[in-house]
Amino acid sequence: MLHTAKSFEGKALHATDGDIGHLKDLYFDDEHWHVRYFVVETERGLSSRQVLISPEAIVRGSVLDDRVISVNLTQRQVRESPGIDTAKPVSRQHEAELRHYYGWPPYWGVVLPETAFAPAPPLEPASWRAPQTSGSETAQPRPDTAEPPADPHLRSVGEVTGYHIEAIDGAIGHVADFLIDADTWQIRYLIVDTRNWWPGKKVLVAPNWIRNVSWTASTVAVDLTRATIKGSPAYDPSQPVTPAYAGALHDHYGRPRYPDWDPDHKTTEARRNFRG
């Protein structure tokens, strides 16, 4: 089941021994479009500050609760964890310190088995086309040193919401929300509001159809035409995204379906051959 990013906003987080605070935002990496952290505003008893908590700490199944998310951490762990200044970029050094503190393995440069549960690699890392950024290329881990790269490219869901969507032949709408798979914490789709062109219609665009993201111009360029987007199956926020709907959507755009939702892509070999 997919969840909108906005559905997480304001949810309370419960530690094993009491309340922690509430969720303010989500950070995702702009290489694989996976949620890496919750931004949590702690309660007064925990010094009323913002901290990052990885989805790895989430008690599975608790995201289905409308109001509360449970984590396998204690209040003391959160209270003594490294804080975060959300007004500044999150450095890889800070991430390394945070993950070392909690004992979470680094997600960068690591490919886990397909059967492993962790919000780390996407379904098939090689199949994802990373958006081009205005800055330098993403730093890669160096095998000859333990020093982590300096630029993790973490982005805020709150920041990217509202970015303009640019089709091949012109503007088409703006990012209204994100649809997140809470099993893998992969961002499956961007919800695009096209109200300025077709009142009332929302459509979905998968991250691997993105050809460029400009963080300075606040735009997302997609490898699709306006007419193709206009003719795509409308997204109804009141209805869950089913494999049937997703299949029709991908077929309309002439793009392969997600392997785990396509009965013809169940084998390991088919998953390896999947391309966005």
Protein backbone atom coordinates (compact mmCIF):
# COMPACT_ATOMS: atom_id res chain seq x y z
CA MET A 1 0.00 0.00 0.00
CA LEU A 2 1.22 3.47 -0.89
CA HIS A 3 1.02 6.42 1.49
CA THR A 4 1.13 10.11 0.66
CA ALA A 5 3.95 12.09 2.23
CA LYS A 6 1.39 14.50 3.66
CA SER A 7 -0.31 11.66 5.54
CA PHE A 8 2.80 11.39 7.73
CA GLU A 9 2.88 15.07 8.67
CA GLY A 10 2.05 15.70 12.31
CA LYS A 11 1.95 12.04 13.28
CA ALA A 12 3.13 11.34 16.80
CA LEU A 13 6.16 9.11 17.29
CA HIS A 14 6.19 6.71 20.22
CA ALA A 15 9.36 5.24 21.67
CA THR A 16 9.38 1.98 23.59
CA ASP A 17 8.97 3.97 26.83
CA GLY A 18 6.83 6.94 25.85
CA ASP A 19 6.24 9.80 23.45
CA ILE A 20 9.06 11.32 21.41
CA GLY A 21 7.40 14.09 19.44
CA HIS A 22 5.76 14.55 16.06
CA LEU A 23 6.86 14.26 12.46
CA LYS A 24 7.65 17.51 10.65
CA ASP A 25 9.13 16.46 7.32
CA LEU A 26 10.77 13.66 5.34
CA TYR A 27 14.24 13.63 3.79
CA PHE A 28 14.88 11.58 0.65
CA ASP A 29 18.00 11.10 -1.43
CA ASP A 30 17.87 12.51 -4.93
CA GLU A 31 19.75 9.59 -6.47
CA HIS A 32 17.33 6.76 -5.75
CA TRP A 33 14.29 8.65 -4.45
CA HIS A 34 14.12 6.76 -1.19
CA VAL A 35 13.06 8.23 2.13
CA ARG A 36 16.10 8.19 4.40
CA TYR A 37 14.92 10.09 7.49
CA PHE A 38 11.96 11.46 9.37
CA VAL A 39 12.47 14.97 10.70
CA VAL A 40 11.00 14.82 14.20
CA GLU A 41 10.19 17.73 16.50
CA THR A 42 10.76 16.35 19.99
CA GLU A 43 8.55 17.14 22.96
CA ARG A 44 9.56 19.54 25.74
CA GLY A 45 10.78 16.73 27.95
CA LEU A 46 13.32 15.90 25.23
CA SER A 47 14.62 19.48 24.97
CA SER A 48 12.21 20.49 22.15
CA ARG A 49 14.60 20.14 19.24
CA GLN A 50 14.63 18.52 15.82
CA VAL A 51 16.24 15.13 15.25
CA LEU A 52 16.51 12.69 12.38
CA ILE A 53 15.17 9.15 12.71
CA SER A 54 15.66 6.55 10.00
CA PRO A 55 12.72 4.43 8.79
CA GLU A 56 14.88 1.49 9.89
CA ALA A 57 13.70 2.27 13.43
CA ILE A 58 10.01 2.04 12.53
CA VAL A 59 8.06 -0.87 14.00
CA ARG A 60 6.68 -2.60 10.94
CA GLY A 61 2.95 -2.18 10.55
CA SER A 62 2.74 0.86 12.77
CA VAL A 63 2.57 3.22 9.79
CA LEU A 64 -0.99 2.02 9.24
CA ASP A 65 -2.08 3.87 12.38
CA ASP A 66 -3.70 7.19 11.47
CA ARG A 67 -2.12 9.10 14.35
CA VAL A 68 0.92 7.30 15.79
CA ILE A 69 4.09 5.68 14.47
CA SER A 70 6.04 3.41 16.82
CA VAL A 71 9.83 3.17 16.79
CA ASN A 72 12.17 0.68 18.46
CA LEU A 73 14.11 3.40 20.26
CA THR A 74 14.03 4.69 23.81
CA GLN A 75 13.44 8.28 24.85
CA ARG A 76 16.97 8.43 26.21
CA GLN A 77 18.43 7.34 22.88
CA VAL A 78 16.57 10.12 21.10
CA ARG A 79 17.36 12.66 23.80
CA GLU A 80 21.10 11.99 23.54
CA SER A 81 21.19 11.63 19.74
CA PRO A 82 22.90 14.18 17.46
CA GLY A 83 20.60 17.09 16.70
CA ILE A 84 20.02 18.65 13.30
CA ASP A 85 19.75 22.17 11.95
CA THR A 86 17.19 21.84 9.16
CA ALA A 87 18.13 25.29 7.86
CA LYS A 88 21.44 23.83 6.66
CA PRO A 89 22.22 20.89 4.33
CA VAL A 90 22.78 17.57 6.08
CA SER A 91 26.39 16.58 5.58
CA ARG A 92 27.47 13.02 5.02
CA GLN A 93 29.69 13.41 8.06
CA HIS A 94 26.64 14.19 10.20
CA GLU A 95 24.82 11.20 8.71
CA ALA A 96 27.76 8.94 9.49
CA GLU A 97 27.82 10.20 13.08
CA LEU A 98 24.06 9.70 13.42
CA ARG A 99 24.06 6.20 11.97
CA HIS A 100 27.03 5.19 14.08
CA TYR A 101 25.23 6.43 17.18
CA TYR A 102 22.12 4.34 16.48
CA GLY A 103 23.95 1.40 14.91
CA TRP A 104 22.25 1.82 11.52
CA PRO A 105 24.45 0.71 8.62
CA PRO A 106 25.23 3.32 5.96
CA TYR A 107 22.96 3.15 2.92
CA TRP A 108 25.43 4.77 0.51
CA GLY A 109 27.44 2.43 -1.66
CA VAL A 110 25.65 -0.64 -0.25
CA VAL A 111 23.52 -3.10 -2.21
CA LEU A 112 21.47 -5.48 -0.07
CA PRO A 113 19.90 -8.77 -1.16
CA GLU A 114 16.43 -8.44 -2.67
CA THR A 115 14.94 -10.27 0.30
CA ALA A 116 16.43 -7.95 2.91
CA PHE A 117 14.20 -5.32 4.47
CA ALA A 118 15.85 -1.94 4.76
CA PRO A 119 15.09 1.50 3.37
CA ALA A 120 18.41 1.47 1.58
CA PRO A 121 18.82 0.59 -2.12
CA PRO A 122 15.95 0.90 -4.60
CA LEU A 123 14.46 -2.20 -6.20
CA GLU A 124 17.16 -2.17 -8.84
CA PRO A 125 19.72 0.62 -8.33
CA ALA A 126 21.13 0.29 -11.84
CA SER A 127 17.73 0.91 -13.40
CA TRP A 128 17.27 4.32 -11.83
CA ARG A 129 18.41 7.41 -13.69
CA ALA A 130 19.59 9.97 -11.16
CA PRO A 131 18.38 13.52 -11.84
CA GLN A 132 21.07 15.96 -12.92
CA THR A 133 21.82 18.58 -10.32
CA SER A 134 23.18 22.05 -10.68
CA GLY A 135 26.10 21.29 -8.39
CA SER A 136 28.91 18.80 -8.53
CA GLU A 137 28.40 15.12 -9.13
CA THR A 138 27.40 12.99 -6.18
CA ALA A 139 30.50 11.90 -4.32
CA GLN A 140 31.06 8.16 -4.27
CA PRO A 141 32.51 6.16 -1.39
CA ARG A 142 36.20 5.52 -1.82
CA PRO A 143 37.31 1.95 -1.11
CA ASP A 144 40.70 3.05 0.24
CA THR A 145 39.42 5.23 3.07
CA ALA A 146 36.88 5.27 5.84
CA GLU A 147 36.14 8.96 5.28
CA PRO A 148 32.52 9.39 4.08
CA PRO A 149 31.74 11.53 1.03
CA ALA A 150 30.79 15.12 1.78
CA ASP A 151 27.65 15.52 -0.33
CA PRO A 152 24.74 13.14 0.37
CA HIS A 153 22.16 15.01 -1.73
CA LEU A 154 19.40 14.76 0.83
CA ARG A 155 16.27 16.69 -0.08
CA SER A 156 13.24 17.75 1.92
CA VAL A 157 9.80 16.59 0.82
CA GLY A 158 8.48 19.91 2.08
CA GLU A 159 10.98 21.76 -0.10
CA VAL A 160 10.23 19.87 -3.32
CA THR A 161 6.45 20.07 -2.88
CA GLY A 162 5.39 22.92 -5.13
CA TYR A 163 8.19 22.50 -7.67
CA HIS A 164 6.96 23.14 -11.23
CA ILE A 165 6.69 20.17 -13.58
CA GLU A 166 8.12 20.78 -17.04
CA ALA A 167 7.11 18.42 -19.85
CA ILE A 168 9.19 18.16 -23.02
CA ASP A 169 7.05 20.85 -24.65
CA GLY A 170 6.21 23.13 -21.74
CA ALA A 171 4.93 23.52 -18.19
CA ILE A 172 2.26 21.11 -17.02
CA GLY A 173 1.66 21.56 -13.28
CA HIS A 174 3.40 21.32 -9.94
CA VAL A 175 4.39 18.69 -7.40
CA ALA A 176 1.48 18.34 -4.97
CA ASP A 177 2.63 15.32 -2.98
CA PHE A 178 4.50 12.02 -3.09
CA LEU A 179 3.34 8.41 -2.94
CA ILE A 180 5.62 6.32 -0.74
CA ASP A 181 5.89 2.55 -0.40
CA ALA A 182 6.23 2.11 3.37
CA ASP A 183 7.67 -1.40 2.97
CA THR A 184 10.76 -0.21 1.11
CA TRP A 185 10.43 3.57 1.68
CA GLN A 186 10.77 4.09 -2.04
CA ILE A 187 9.03 7.12 -3.54
CA ARG A 188 6.98 5.42 -6.24
CA TYR A 189 5.28 8.46 -7.71
CA LEU A 190 5.09 12.22 -7.64
CA ILE A 191 1.51 13.50 -7.54
CA VAL A 192 1.22 16.29 -10.10
CA ASP A 193 -1.52 18.91 -9.83
CA THR A 194 -2.45 20.19 -13.31
CA ARG A 195 -5.17 22.61 -12.16
CA ASN A 196 -3.82 25.51 -14.23
CA TRP A 197 -4.26 23.47 -17.41
CA TRP A 198 -6.99 20.94 -16.66
CA PRO A 199 -8.97 21.95 -13.55
CA GLY A 200 -9.42 19.22 -11.00
CA LYS A 201 -7.10 16.66 -12.58
CA LYS A 202 -4.15 15.10 -10.78
CA VAL A 203 -1.78 12.66 -12.45
CA LEU A 204 1.13 10.48 -11.34
CA VAL A 205 4.70 10.55 -12.60
CA ALA A 206 7.33 8.02 -11.55
CA PRO A 207 10.77 9.32 -10.50
CA ASN A 208 12.51 7.29 -13.19
CA TRP A 209 10.63 9.29 -15.85
CA ILE A 210 12.40 12.41 -14.63
CA ARG A 211 15.18 13.66 -16.87
CA ASN A 212 16.35 16.61 -14.83
CA VAL A 213 15.75 18.35 -11.50
CA SER A 214 16.84 21.94 -11.00
CA TRP A 215 17.13 22.66 -7.31
CA THR A 216 17.93 26.31 -8.04
CA ALA A 217 14.99 26.90 -10.43
CA SER A 218 12.62 24.65 -8.42
CA THR A 219 11.60 22.64 -11.47
CA VAL A 220 11.24 18.96 -12.33
CA ALA A 221 11.63 18.12 -16.01
CA VAL A 222 10.00 14.89 -17.18
CA ASP A 223 10.62 12.88 -20.32
CA LEU A 224 6.96 13.14 -21.35
CA THR A 225 4.87 15.43 -23.54
CA ARG A 226 2.00 17.55 -22.27
CA ALA A 227 -0.48 15.69 -24.47
CA THR A 228 0.67 12.33 -23.10
CA ILE A 229 0.33 13.56 -19.54
CA LYS A 230 -3.08 15.05 -20.30
CA GLY A 231 -4.31 11.71 -21.62
CA SER A 232 -2.98 9.65 -18.73
CA PRO A 233 -5.31 7.92 -16.26
CA ALA A 234 -6.41 10.48 -13.66
CA TYR A 235 -5.29 9.97 -10.10
CA ASP A 236 -8.08 9.84 -7.53
CA PRO A 237 -6.71 10.62 -4.04
CA SER A 238 -9.69 8.87 -2.45
CA GLN A 239 -8.76 5.55 -4.07
CA PRO A 240 -5.67 3.40 -3.40
CA VAL A 241 -3.19 2.90 -6.21
CA THR A 242 -3.75 -0.69 -7.29
CA PRO A 243 -1.52 -2.85 -9.50
CA ALA A 244 -4.23 -2.62 -12.17
CA TYR A 245 -4.20 1.18 -12.11
CA ALA A 246 -0.39 1.29 -12.02
CA GLY A 247 -0.24 -1.13 -14.95
CA ALA A 248 -2.60 1.03 -17.01
CA LEU A 249 -0.58 4.11 -16.10
CA HIS A 250 2.75 2.63 -17.13
CA ASP A 251 1.24 1.13 -20.28
CA HIS A 252 -0.16 4.53 -21.25
CA TYR A 253 3.30 6.06 -21.01
CA GLY A 254 4.91 3.06 -22.68
CA ARG A 255 7.10 2.44 -19.66
CA PRO A 256 7.77 -0.90 -17.93
CA ARG A 257 5.67 -1.64 -14.89
CA TYR A 258 7.12 -1.96 -11.42
CA PRO A 259 8.39 -5.54 -11.21
CA ASP A 260 6.66 -6.36 -7.92
CA TRP A 261 3.30 -5.27 -9.35
CA ASP A 262 3.67 -7.01 -12.69
CA PRO A 263 2.95 -10.77 -12.84
CA ASP A 264 5.33 -11.05 -15.81
CA HIS A 265 8.26 -9.68 -13.78
CA LYS A 266 8.29 -11.99 -10.78
CA THR A 267 11.56 -13.73 -11.48
CA THR A 268 14.94 -12.43 -10.36
CA GLU A 269 16.13 -12.25 -13.96
CA ALA A 270 13.12 -10.17 -14.99
CA ARG A 271 13.70 -7.81 -12.06
CA ARG A 272 17.32 -7.38 -13.13
CA ASN A 273 16.20 -6.54 -16.64
CA PHE A 274 13.69 -3.95 -15.43
CA ARG A 275 14.40 -0.46 -16.73
CA GLY A 276 12.48 2.71 -16.02
